[in-house]
Amino acid sequence: MLIRKITVVANDIMPAKEADRVQVSQQLDLFADFTLAETPKSRAHPAMPRAERAAQFMPFVALTGYEELLAQKAEVRSSQQILASDEQEVLAQALVQVKEDLPVKVWVNYYDQKKEKEVELIGTAEKVLELDKTLLVSEQKLDFGQLYRVEILK
């Protein structure tokens, strides 16, 4: 067994008498044996990887498959296109034109969150609600963030 002497440098915490110093030194030697001892390793049971050890202490997951469902939803959200700045400008100009010509027949290309895909709609634009950032086409509310293209039909 490895025994290492630990000496304390601070004079104010050391006892004044030499006999007391020896006793404190012996007590520190006992702790040194304990703190410097190696962790026992089993030959029958190899060490478990950290990730598996940590998983034992994770809370119980009551909803099996929940994480996979979240991952699928995240993939779907990322499949929605994000318009470039010049495309956003063209869309904004089209919405201004639609607002000036209300009610007007329009062709709208947008992302439907319920169907999780791109959809085309031909209908009558009834309102452009700038505060809500929505376009009302044939009684359907479409958020500006869902829109890809809006064209006025003649």
C-alpha atoms as a PDB file:
ATOM      1  CA  MET A   1       0.000   0.000   0.000  1.00  0.00           C
ATOM      2  CA  LEU A   2       1.307   3.422  -0.945  1.00  0.00           C
ATOM      3  CA  ILE A   3       1.805   5.779   1.991  1.00  0.00           C
ATOM      4  CA  ARG A   4       2.475   9.388   1.235  1.00  0.00           C
ATOM      5  CA  LYS A   5       3.167  12.036   3.836  1.00  0.00           C
ATOM      6  CA  ILE A   6       1.067  15.133   3.576  1.00  0.00           C
ATOM      7  CA  THR A   7       2.512  18.216   5.138  1.00  0.00           C
ATOM      8  CA  VAL A   8       0.480  21.280   5.843  1.00  0.00           C
ATOM      9  CA  VAL A   9       2.361  24.489   5.259  1.00  0.00           C
ATOM     10  CA  ALA A  10       0.056  26.921   7.048  1.00  0.00           C
ATOM     11  CA  ASN A  11       1.422  27.422  10.558  1.00  0.00           C
ATOM     12  CA  ASP A  12      -1.806  28.787  12.005  1.00  0.00           C
ATOM     13  CA  ILE A  13      -3.704  25.498  11.570  1.00  0.00           C
ATOM     14  CA  MET A  14      -0.876  23.276  12.886  1.00  0.00           C
ATOM     15  CA  PRO A  15      -0.741  22.479  16.592  1.00  0.00           C
ATOM     16  CA  ALA A  16       1.982  24.251  18.549  1.00  0.00           C
ATOM     17  CA  LYS A  17       3.572  21.181  20.197  1.00  0.00           C
ATOM     18  CA  GLU A  18       5.797  18.729  18.328  1.00  0.00           C
ATOM     19  CA  ALA A  19       3.850  15.712  19.700  1.00  0.00           C
ATOM     20  CA  ASP A  20       0.625  17.163  18.358  1.00  0.00           C
ATOM     21  CA  ARG A  21       2.260  17.743  14.966  1.00  0.00           C
ATOM     22  CA  VAL A  22       3.249  14.094  14.757  1.00  0.00           C
ATOM     23  CA  GLN A  23      -0.311  13.012  15.619  1.00  0.00           C
ATOM     24  CA  VAL A  24      -1.773  15.265  12.910  1.00  0.00           C
ATOM     25  CA  SER A  25       0.796  13.937  10.428  1.00  0.00           C
ATOM     26  CA  GLN A  26      -0.231  10.344  11.209  1.00  0.00           C
ATOM     27  CA  GLN A  27      -3.919  11.204  10.756  1.00  0.00           C
ATOM     28  CA  LEU A  28      -3.166  12.782   7.405  1.00  0.00           C
ATOM     29  CA  ASP A  29      -1.262   9.620   6.409  1.00  0.00           C
ATOM     30  CA  LEU A  30      -4.455   7.599   7.024  1.00  0.00           C
ATOM     31  CA  PHE A  31      -6.419   9.849   4.706  1.00  0.00           C
ATOM     32  CA  ALA A  32      -3.643   9.673   2.118  1.00  0.00           C
ATOM     33  CA  ASP A  33      -4.022   5.880   2.005  1.00  0.00           C
ATOM     34  CA  PHE A  34      -7.738   6.284   1.420  1.00  0.00           C
ATOM     35  CA  THR A  35      -7.597   9.044  -1.202  1.00  0.00           C
ATOM     36  CA  LEU A  36      -4.682   7.638  -3.178  1.00  0.00           C
ATOM     37  CA  ALA A  37      -5.993   4.072  -3.346  1.00  0.00           C
ATOM     38  CA  GLU A  38      -6.973   2.854  -6.811  1.00  0.00           C
ATOM     39  CA  THR A  39     -10.544   1.945  -7.593  1.00  0.00           C
ATOM     40  CA  PRO A  40     -11.023  -1.833  -7.600  1.00  0.00           C
ATOM     41  CA  LYS A  41     -11.656  -3.300 -11.062  1.00  0.00           C
ATOM     42  CA  SER A  42     -13.704  -6.429 -11.575  1.00  0.00           C
ATOM     43  CA  ARG A  43     -12.472  -9.087 -13.975  1.00  0.00           C
ATOM     44  CA  ALA A  44     -15.932 -10.602 -14.300  1.00  0.00           C
ATOM     45  CA  HIS A  45     -17.706  -7.313 -15.135  1.00  0.00           C
ATOM     46  CA  PRO A  46     -15.821  -4.943 -17.458  1.00  0.00           C
ATOM     47  CA  ALA A  47     -16.206  -1.193 -16.953  1.00  0.00           C
ATOM     48  CA  MET A  48     -19.404   0.240 -18.419  1.00  0.00           C
ATOM     49  CA  PRO A  49     -19.022   3.144 -20.879  1.00  0.00           C
ATOM     50  CA  ARG A  50     -19.886   6.572 -19.454  1.00  0.00           C
ATOM     51  CA  ALA A  51     -22.908   7.070 -21.722  1.00  0.00           C
ATOM     52  CA  GLU A  52     -24.484   3.806 -20.575  1.00  0.00           C
ATOM     53  CA  ARG A  53     -23.741   4.579 -16.944  1.00  0.00           C
ATOM     54  CA  ALA A  54     -25.394   7.992 -17.290  1.00  0.00           C
ATOM     55  CA  ALA A  55     -28.432   6.454 -19.003  1.00  0.00           C
ATOM     56  CA  GLN A  56     -29.204   4.467 -15.854  1.00  0.00           C
ATOM     57  CA  PHE A  57     -29.948   7.687 -14.020  1.00  0.00           C
ATOM     58  CA  MET A  58     -32.077   9.326 -16.701  1.00  0.00           C
ATOM     59  CA  PRO A  59     -35.777   9.699 -15.903  1.00  0.00           C
ATOM     60  CA  PHE A  60     -38.166   7.015 -17.065  1.00  0.00           C
ATOM     61  CA  VAL A  61     -39.526   7.719 -20.564  1.00  0.00           C
ATOM     62  CA  ALA A  62     -43.259   7.051 -20.395  1.00  0.00           C
ATOM     63  CA  LEU A  63     -43.932   7.812 -24.057  1.00  0.00           C
ATOM     64  CA  THR A  64     -42.049   5.280 -26.131  1.00  0.00           C
ATOM     65  CA  GLY A  65     -41.342   6.549 -29.629  1.00  0.00           C
ATOM     66  CA  TYR A  66     -41.759  10.182 -28.589  1.00  0.00           C
ATOM     67  CA  GLU A  67     -38.171  11.129 -29.454  1.00  0.00           C
ATOM     68  CA  GLU A  68     -38.476   9.547 -32.919  1.00  0.00           C
ATOM     69  CA  LEU A  69     -41.708  11.468 -33.524  1.00  0.00           C
ATOM     70  CA  LEU A  70     -39.996  14.718 -32.553  1.00  0.00           C
ATOM     71  CA  ALA A  71     -37.129  13.937 -34.908  1.00  0.00           C
ATOM     72  CA  GLN A  72     -39.580  13.329 -37.783  1.00  0.00           C
ATOM     73  CA  LYS A  73     -41.380  16.617 -37.078  1.00  0.00           C
ATOM     74  CA  ALA A  74     -38.051  18.436 -37.027  1.00  0.00           C
ATOM     75  CA  GLU A  75     -37.198  16.976 -40.436  1.00  0.00           C
ATOM     76  CA  VAL A  76     -40.595  18.059 -41.819  1.00  0.00           C
ATOM     77  CA  ARG A  77     -40.141  21.590 -40.528  1.00  0.00           C
ATOM     78  CA  SER A  78     -36.752  21.766 -42.140  1.00  0.00           C
ATOM     79  CA  SER A  79     -38.260  20.637 -45.471  1.00  0.00           C
ATOM     80  CA  GLN A  80     -40.235  23.899 -45.661  1.00  0.00           C
ATOM     81  CA  GLN A  81     -38.385  26.223 -48.021  1.00  0.00           C
ATOM     82  CA  ILE A  82     -37.004  29.517 -46.826  1.00  0.00           C
ATOM     83  CA  LEU A  83     -37.238  32.234 -49.456  1.00  0.00           C
ATOM     84  CA  ALA A  84     -34.211  34.238 -50.500  1.00  0.00           C
ATOM     85  CA  SER A  85     -34.360  38.010 -49.953  1.00  0.00           C
ATOM     86  CA  ASP A  86     -35.114  38.761 -53.629  1.00  0.00           C
ATOM     87  CA  GLU A  87     -37.936  36.175 -53.631  1.00  0.00           C
ATOM     88  CA  GLN A  88     -39.339  37.756 -50.447  1.00  0.00           C
ATOM     89  CA  GLU A  89     -39.295  41.138 -52.179  1.00  0.00           C
ATOM     90  CA  VAL A  90     -41.216  39.762 -55.182  1.00  0.00           C
ATOM     91  CA  LEU A  91     -43.742  38.159 -52.807  1.00  0.00           C
ATOM     92  CA  ALA A  92     -44.157  41.432 -50.871  1.00  0.00           C
ATOM     93  CA  GLN A  93     -44.807  43.349 -54.106  1.00  0.00           C
ATOM     94  CA  ALA A  94     -47.368  40.735 -55.182  1.00  0.00           C
ATOM     95  CA  LEU A  95     -49.181  41.064 -51.837  1.00  0.00           C
ATOM     96  CA  VAL A  96     -49.277  44.863 -52.210  1.00  0.00           C
ATOM     97  CA  GLN A  97     -50.761  44.453 -55.705  1.00  0.00           C
ATOM     98  CA  VAL A  98     -53.333  41.940 -54.402  1.00  0.00           C
ATOM     99  CA  LYS A  99     -54.325  44.339 -51.592  1.00  0.00           C
ATOM    100  CA  GLU A 100     -54.869  47.173 -54.095  1.00  0.00           C
ATOM    101  CA  ASP A 101     -57.028  45.003 -56.408  1.00  0.00           C
ATOM    102  CA  LEU A 102     -59.216  43.255 -53.754  1.00  0.00           C
ATOM    103  CA  PRO A 103     -61.233  41.112 -54.339  1.00  0.00           C
ATOM    104  CA  VAL A 104     -59.155  39.409 -57.007  1.00  0.00           C
ATOM    105  CA  LYS A 105     -58.634  35.883 -58.315  1.00  0.00           C
ATOM    106  CA  VAL A 106     -55.158  34.561 -57.386  1.00  0.00           C
ATOM    107  CA  TRP A 107     -52.916  31.551 -57.730  1.00  0.00           C
ATOM    108  CA  VAL A 108     -51.052  30.839 -54.467  1.00  0.00           C
ATOM    109  CA  ASN A 109     -48.196  28.429 -53.876  1.00  0.00           C
ATOM    110  CA  TYR A 110     -47.711  27.793 -50.131  1.00  0.00           C
ATOM    111  CA  TYR A 111     -46.558  25.271 -47.521  1.00  0.00           C
ATOM    112  CA  ASP A 112     -49.447  23.457 -45.809  1.00  0.00           C
ATOM    113  CA  GLN A 113     -48.389  22.563 -42.262  1.00  0.00           C
ATOM    114  CA  LYS A 114     -51.182  20.021 -41.773  1.00  0.00           C
ATOM    115  CA  LYS A 115     -50.373  18.117 -44.963  1.00  0.00           C
ATOM    116  CA  GLU A 116     -46.665  18.815 -44.442  1.00  0.00           C
ATOM    117  CA  LYS A 117     -46.089  19.598 -48.093  1.00  0.00           C
ATOM    118  CA  GLU A 118     -46.196  22.334 -50.721  1.00  0.00           C
ATOM    119  CA  VAL A 119     -49.709  23.090 -52.059  1.00  0.00           C
ATOM    120  CA  GLU A 120     -51.182  25.183 -54.875  1.00  0.00           C
ATOM    121  CA  LEU A 121     -54.470  27.045 -54.488  1.00  0.00           C
ATOM    122  CA  ILE A 122     -56.563  29.008 -56.964  1.00  0.00           C
ATOM    123  CA  GLY A 123     -59.194  31.175 -55.351  1.00  0.00           C
ATOM    124  CA  THR A 124     -60.407  34.664 -54.583  1.00  0.00           C
ATOM    125  CA  ALA A 125     -58.221  36.809 -52.347  1.00  0.00           C
ATOM    126  CA  GLU A 126     -60.617  38.516 -49.956  1.00  0.00           C
ATOM    127  CA  LYS A 127     -58.306  40.267 -47.478  1.00  0.00           C
ATOM    128  CA  VAL A 128     -54.659  40.997 -46.782  1.00  0.00           C
ATOM    129  CA  LEU A 129     -54.295  41.349 -43.011  1.00  0.00           C
ATOM    130  CA  GLU A 130     -50.940  43.056 -42.461  1.00  0.00           C
ATOM    131  CA  LEU A 131     -51.174  43.067 -38.648  1.00  0.00           C
ATOM    132  CA  ASP A 132     -51.845  39.317 -38.515  1.00  0.00           C
ATOM    133  CA  LYS A 133     -49.500  38.753 -41.482  1.00  0.00           C
ATOM    134  CA  THR A 134     -52.124  36.610 -43.196  1.00  0.00           C
ATOM    135  CA  LEU A 135     -53.763  36.403 -46.600  1.00  0.00           C
ATOM    136  CA  LEU A 136     -57.405  35.287 -46.765  1.00  0.00           C
ATOM    137  CA  VAL A 137     -58.024  33.257 -49.944  1.00  0.00           C
ATOM    138  CA  SER A 138     -61.385  31.514 -50.446  1.00  0.00           C
ATOM    139  CA  GLU A 139     -61.999  31.569 -46.652  1.00  0.00           C
ATOM    140  CA  GLN A 140     -58.562  30.032 -45.960  1.00  0.00           C
ATOM    141  CA  LYS A 141     -56.111  31.957 -43.784  1.00  0.00           C
ATOM    142  CA  LEU A 142     -52.538  31.685 -45.053  1.00  0.00           C
ATOM    143  CA  ASP A 143     -49.653  33.059 -43.004  1.00  0.00           C
ATOM    144  CA  PHE A 144     -47.156  35.162 -44.931  1.00  0.00           C
ATOM    145  CA  GLY A 145     -44.432  32.777 -43.695  1.00  0.00           C
ATOM    146  CA  GLN A 146     -46.135  29.880 -45.523  1.00  0.00           C
ATOM    147  CA  LEU A 147     -46.308  31.663 -48.883  1.00  0.00           C
ATOM    148  CA  TYR A 148     -43.899  30.921 -51.730  1.00  0.00           C
ATOM    149  CA  ARG A 149     -45.612  32.668 -54.647  1.00  0.00           C
ATOM    150  CA  VAL A 150     -48.731  34.734 -55.266  1.00  0.00           C
ATOM    151  CA  GLU A 151     -49.883  35.639 -58.778  1.00  0.00           C
ATOM    152  CA  ILE A 152     -52.945  37.569 -59.863  1.00  0.00           C
ATOM    153  CA  LEU A 153     -55.029  35.708 -62.457  1.00  0.00           C
ATOM    154  CA  LYS A 154     -56.873  37.642 -65.157  1.00  0.00           C
END
